[in-house]
Amino acid sequence: MSIATKRGDSGQTSLAGGVRVSKSDLRVETYGTVDELNTVLGFARSICQNSQIKEWTEDIQRTLFRLGSNLATPPGGKKQPPKIGSDDVEHLTELVHKIEAREGLVSDWSLPGAHPEAAAYEMARTTCRRAERTVVRFTESGGEVDPHVLAYLNRLSDLIWLFGRLLEVEAGVDSRLRDAEHPGARWSRAW
């Protein structure tokens, strides 16, 4: 059996449970953006030298498969969507608190590109924010989404930003947006 079923050649795809919709359907765009996020995180993990961040990233990627499947499963269908729960969100929140407690990590906005591994995580962060916006657009258009999905993506973008800052701090890289040569308003929080 081949993965080239040709069923999508006409611009239609199947949601979880077999419902056929247009590939331009906002639900498809939503879970497709989560898939893109998972791939960008995979690239970041593949070049990351910090074993703890790699482990956290892999765990997140596994949860994103569940989250994407949740989004790909329409309500009221034959198949029940996998759950994204408050425990998933709380796990990310705990990691955020753990990492941001490190001295000097959260001092200003960062300028992406000062360190290759951190830059890969910055790409993942912006993809995560796009996934979050897509979920919001989907819900505003009437789509039903588990509220933990949006909370998870919001917390995840914070965490991914911190991964980049932690990698830079450990590498001795200063990527602050503001310094003596580049003065300007500083924010009390970098996000």
Protein backbone atom coordinates (compact mmCIF):
# COMPACT_ATOMS: atom_id res chain seq x y z
CA MET A 1 0.00 0.00 0.00
CA SER A 2 1.37 3.40 -0.99
CA ILE A 3 1.05 6.72 0.84
CA ALA A 4 0.27 8.20 -2.62
CA THR A 5 -3.48 7.47 -2.45
CA LYS A 6 -4.31 10.22 -5.00
CA ARG A 7 -7.39 11.06 -2.89
CA GLY A 8 -6.06 14.60 -2.35
CA ASP A 9 -5.44 15.33 -6.02
CA SER A 10 -8.71 17.26 -6.28
CA GLY A 11 -7.89 19.58 -3.35
CA GLN A 12 -9.76 17.62 -0.69
CA THR A 13 -8.37 15.92 2.41
CA SER A 14 -9.77 13.76 5.20
CA LEU A 15 -10.07 14.94 8.76
CA ALA A 16 -9.66 12.43 11.57
CA GLY A 17 -12.79 10.27 11.42
CA GLY A 18 -13.00 10.38 7.61
CA VAL A 19 -14.83 13.66 6.96
CA ARG A 20 -13.67 15.14 3.64
CA VAL A 21 -12.97 18.88 3.46
CA SER A 22 -11.13 21.32 1.24
CA LYS A 23 -7.40 21.59 1.85
CA SER A 24 -8.03 25.32 2.26
CA ASP A 25 -10.37 24.68 5.21
CA LEU A 26 -9.32 26.73 8.24
CA ARG A 27 -9.24 23.58 10.39
CA VAL A 28 -6.69 22.08 7.97
CA GLU A 29 -4.67 25.32 8.06
CA THR A 30 -4.74 25.22 11.85
CA TYR A 31 -3.44 21.69 12.35
CA GLY A 32 -1.11 22.14 9.38
CA THR A 33 0.54 25.09 11.11
CA VAL A 34 1.00 22.96 14.24
CA ASP A 35 2.63 20.33 12.01
CA GLU A 36 4.93 23.03 10.62
CA LEU A 37 5.80 24.08 14.18
CA ASN A 38 6.66 20.49 15.04
CA THR A 39 8.99 20.30 12.05
CA VAL A 40 10.74 23.58 12.86
CA LEU A 41 11.19 22.39 16.46
CA GLY A 42 12.65 19.17 15.07
CA PHE A 43 15.23 21.15 13.14
CA ALA A 44 16.10 23.19 16.23
CA ARG A 45 16.45 19.98 18.25
CA SER A 46 18.65 18.42 15.56
CA ILE A 47 21.28 21.16 15.91
CA CYS A 48 20.92 21.78 19.65
CA GLN A 49 23.90 20.73 21.77
CA ASN A 50 22.14 21.13 25.14
CA SER A 51 20.89 17.66 26.08
CA GLN A 52 18.25 18.96 28.51
CA ILE A 53 16.71 21.32 25.94
CA LYS A 54 16.81 18.52 23.36
CA GLU A 55 14.93 16.25 25.75
CA TRP A 56 12.35 18.93 26.57
CA THR A 57 11.92 19.67 22.86
CA GLU A 58 11.32 16.03 21.96
CA ASP A 59 8.70 15.76 24.70
CA ILE A 60 7.01 18.89 23.34
CA GLN A 61 7.06 17.48 19.81
CA ARG A 62 5.26 14.36 20.99
CA THR A 63 2.61 16.52 22.66
CA LEU A 64 2.27 18.58 19.46
CA PHE A 65 1.35 15.40 17.55
CA ARG A 66 -1.47 14.90 20.05
CA LEU A 67 -2.45 18.58 19.82
CA GLY A 68 -2.48 18.46 16.01
CA SER A 69 -4.65 15.35 16.09
CA ASN A 70 -6.98 17.12 18.50
CA LEU A 71 -7.36 19.97 16.00
CA ALA A 72 -7.79 17.54 13.08
CA THR A 73 -10.72 15.80 14.79
CA PRO A 74 -14.04 17.56 14.22
CA PRO A 75 -16.51 17.53 17.10
CA GLY A 76 -19.37 15.08 16.94
CA GLY A 77 -17.50 12.66 14.70
CA LYS A 78 -16.89 8.94 15.05
CA LYS A 79 -13.49 9.51 16.60
CA GLN A 80 -12.81 11.20 19.93
CA PRO A 81 -9.99 13.78 19.81
CA PRO A 82 -6.91 13.14 21.95
CA LYS A 83 -7.01 15.35 25.01
CA ILE A 84 -4.80 18.32 25.74
CA GLY A 85 -5.23 18.99 29.42
CA SER A 86 -4.37 21.48 32.09
CA ASP A 87 -1.51 19.17 33.13
CA ASP A 88 0.09 19.68 29.69
CA VAL A 89 -0.12 23.46 30.12
CA GLU A 90 1.10 23.30 33.73
CA HIS A 91 4.14 21.25 32.69
CA LEU A 92 5.18 24.04 30.30
CA THR A 93 4.47 26.68 32.95
CA GLU A 94 6.77 24.88 35.39
CA LEU A 95 9.55 24.80 32.78
CA VAL A 96 9.05 28.52 32.08
CA HIS A 97 9.43 29.33 35.79
CA LYS A 98 12.46 27.06 36.11
CA ILE A 99 14.32 28.60 33.17
CA GLU A 100 13.38 32.26 33.69
CA ALA A 101 14.72 32.08 37.26
CA ARG A 102 18.25 32.00 35.88
CA GLU A 103 20.02 35.30 36.55
CA GLY A 104 20.38 37.60 33.54
CA LEU A 105 18.24 35.50 31.23
CA VAL A 106 15.28 37.86 30.97
CA SER A 107 16.72 41.35 30.76
CA ASP A 108 15.64 42.78 27.41
CA TRP A 109 14.27 41.85 24.03
CA SER A 110 16.71 39.75 22.05
CA LEU A 111 17.94 40.31 18.52
CA PRO A 112 17.60 36.94 16.72
CA GLY A 113 20.63 35.52 14.95
CA ALA A 114 23.45 35.88 17.46
CA HIS A 115 23.73 32.11 17.92
CA PRO A 116 22.72 29.37 15.41
CA GLU A 117 20.91 27.08 17.86
CA ALA A 118 19.05 29.99 19.47
CA ALA A 119 18.12 31.32 16.01
CA ALA A 120 16.55 27.94 15.17
CA TYR A 121 14.46 28.18 18.32
CA GLU A 122 13.49 31.76 17.37
CA MET A 123 12.15 30.39 14.08
CA ALA A 124 10.16 27.82 16.06
CA ARG A 125 8.84 30.55 18.37
CA THR A 126 7.50 32.64 15.50
CA THR A 127 5.93 29.54 13.93
CA CYS A 128 4.33 28.81 17.30
CA ARG A 129 2.88 32.32 17.45
CA ARG A 130 1.48 31.83 13.92
CA ALA A 131 -0.09 28.54 15.02
CA GLU A 132 -1.62 30.36 17.97
CA ARG A 133 -3.05 33.09 15.70
CA THR A 134 -4.45 30.44 13.38
CA VAL A 135 -6.22 28.69 16.27
CA VAL A 136 -7.69 32.04 17.35
CA ARG A 137 -8.87 32.77 13.79
CA PHE A 138 -10.42 29.29 13.62
CA THR A 139 -12.32 29.76 16.89
CA GLU A 140 -13.43 33.27 15.89
CA SER A 141 -14.85 31.78 12.67
CA GLY A 142 -16.98 29.38 14.73
CA GLY A 143 -14.65 26.39 15.01
CA GLU A 144 -14.64 24.48 18.28
CA VAL A 145 -11.27 24.05 19.98
CA ASP A 146 -10.40 22.69 23.40
CA PRO A 147 -9.39 25.79 25.44
CA HIS A 148 -6.24 24.02 26.63
CA VAL A 149 -4.95 24.01 23.03
CA LEU A 150 -4.66 27.79 22.92
CA ALA A 151 -3.19 27.97 26.44
CA TYR A 152 -0.63 25.30 25.49
CA LEU A 153 0.51 27.18 22.38
CA ASN A 154 0.69 30.48 24.25
CA ARG A 155 2.83 28.98 27.00
CA LEU A 156 4.92 27.08 24.46
CA SER A 157 5.94 30.24 22.60
CA ASP A 158 7.18 31.70 25.90
CA LEU A 159 9.12 28.54 26.64
CA ILE A 160 10.69 28.36 23.18
CA TRP A 161 11.85 31.98 23.56
CA LEU A 162 13.48 31.01 26.85
CA PHE A 163 15.18 28.03 25.23
CA GLY A 164 16.88 30.46 22.84
CA ARG A 165 17.93 32.79 25.63
CA LEU A 166 19.29 29.89 27.71
CA LEU A 167 21.35 28.64 24.78
CA GLU A 168 22.78 32.13 24.26
CA VAL A 169 23.61 32.63 27.94
CA GLU A 170 25.33 29.24 28.11
CA ALA A 171 27.33 30.10 25.00
CA GLY A 172 28.31 33.52 26.40
CA VAL A 173 26.41 35.36 23.66
CA ASP A 174 24.80 38.73 24.38
CA SER A 175 21.86 39.26 22.05
CA ARG A 176 20.18 42.11 23.92
CA LEU A 177 18.39 44.52 21.66
CA ARG A 178 19.43 47.55 23.76
CA ASP A 179 22.96 48.35 24.85
CA ALA A 180 25.24 51.41 25.10
CA GLU A 181 25.49 51.67 21.31
CA HIS A 182 21.78 51.03 20.75
CA PRO A 183 19.88 52.95 23.41
CA GLY A 184 16.16 53.00 23.65
CA ALA A 185 13.24 52.18 25.86
CA ARG A 186 13.81 49.07 27.92
CA TRP A 187 10.91 46.94 28.94
CA SER A 188 10.44 45.51 32.38
CA ARG A 189 9.68 42.19 30.73
CA ALA A 190 11.15 41.03 27.46
CA TRP A 191 7.91 39.66 26.08
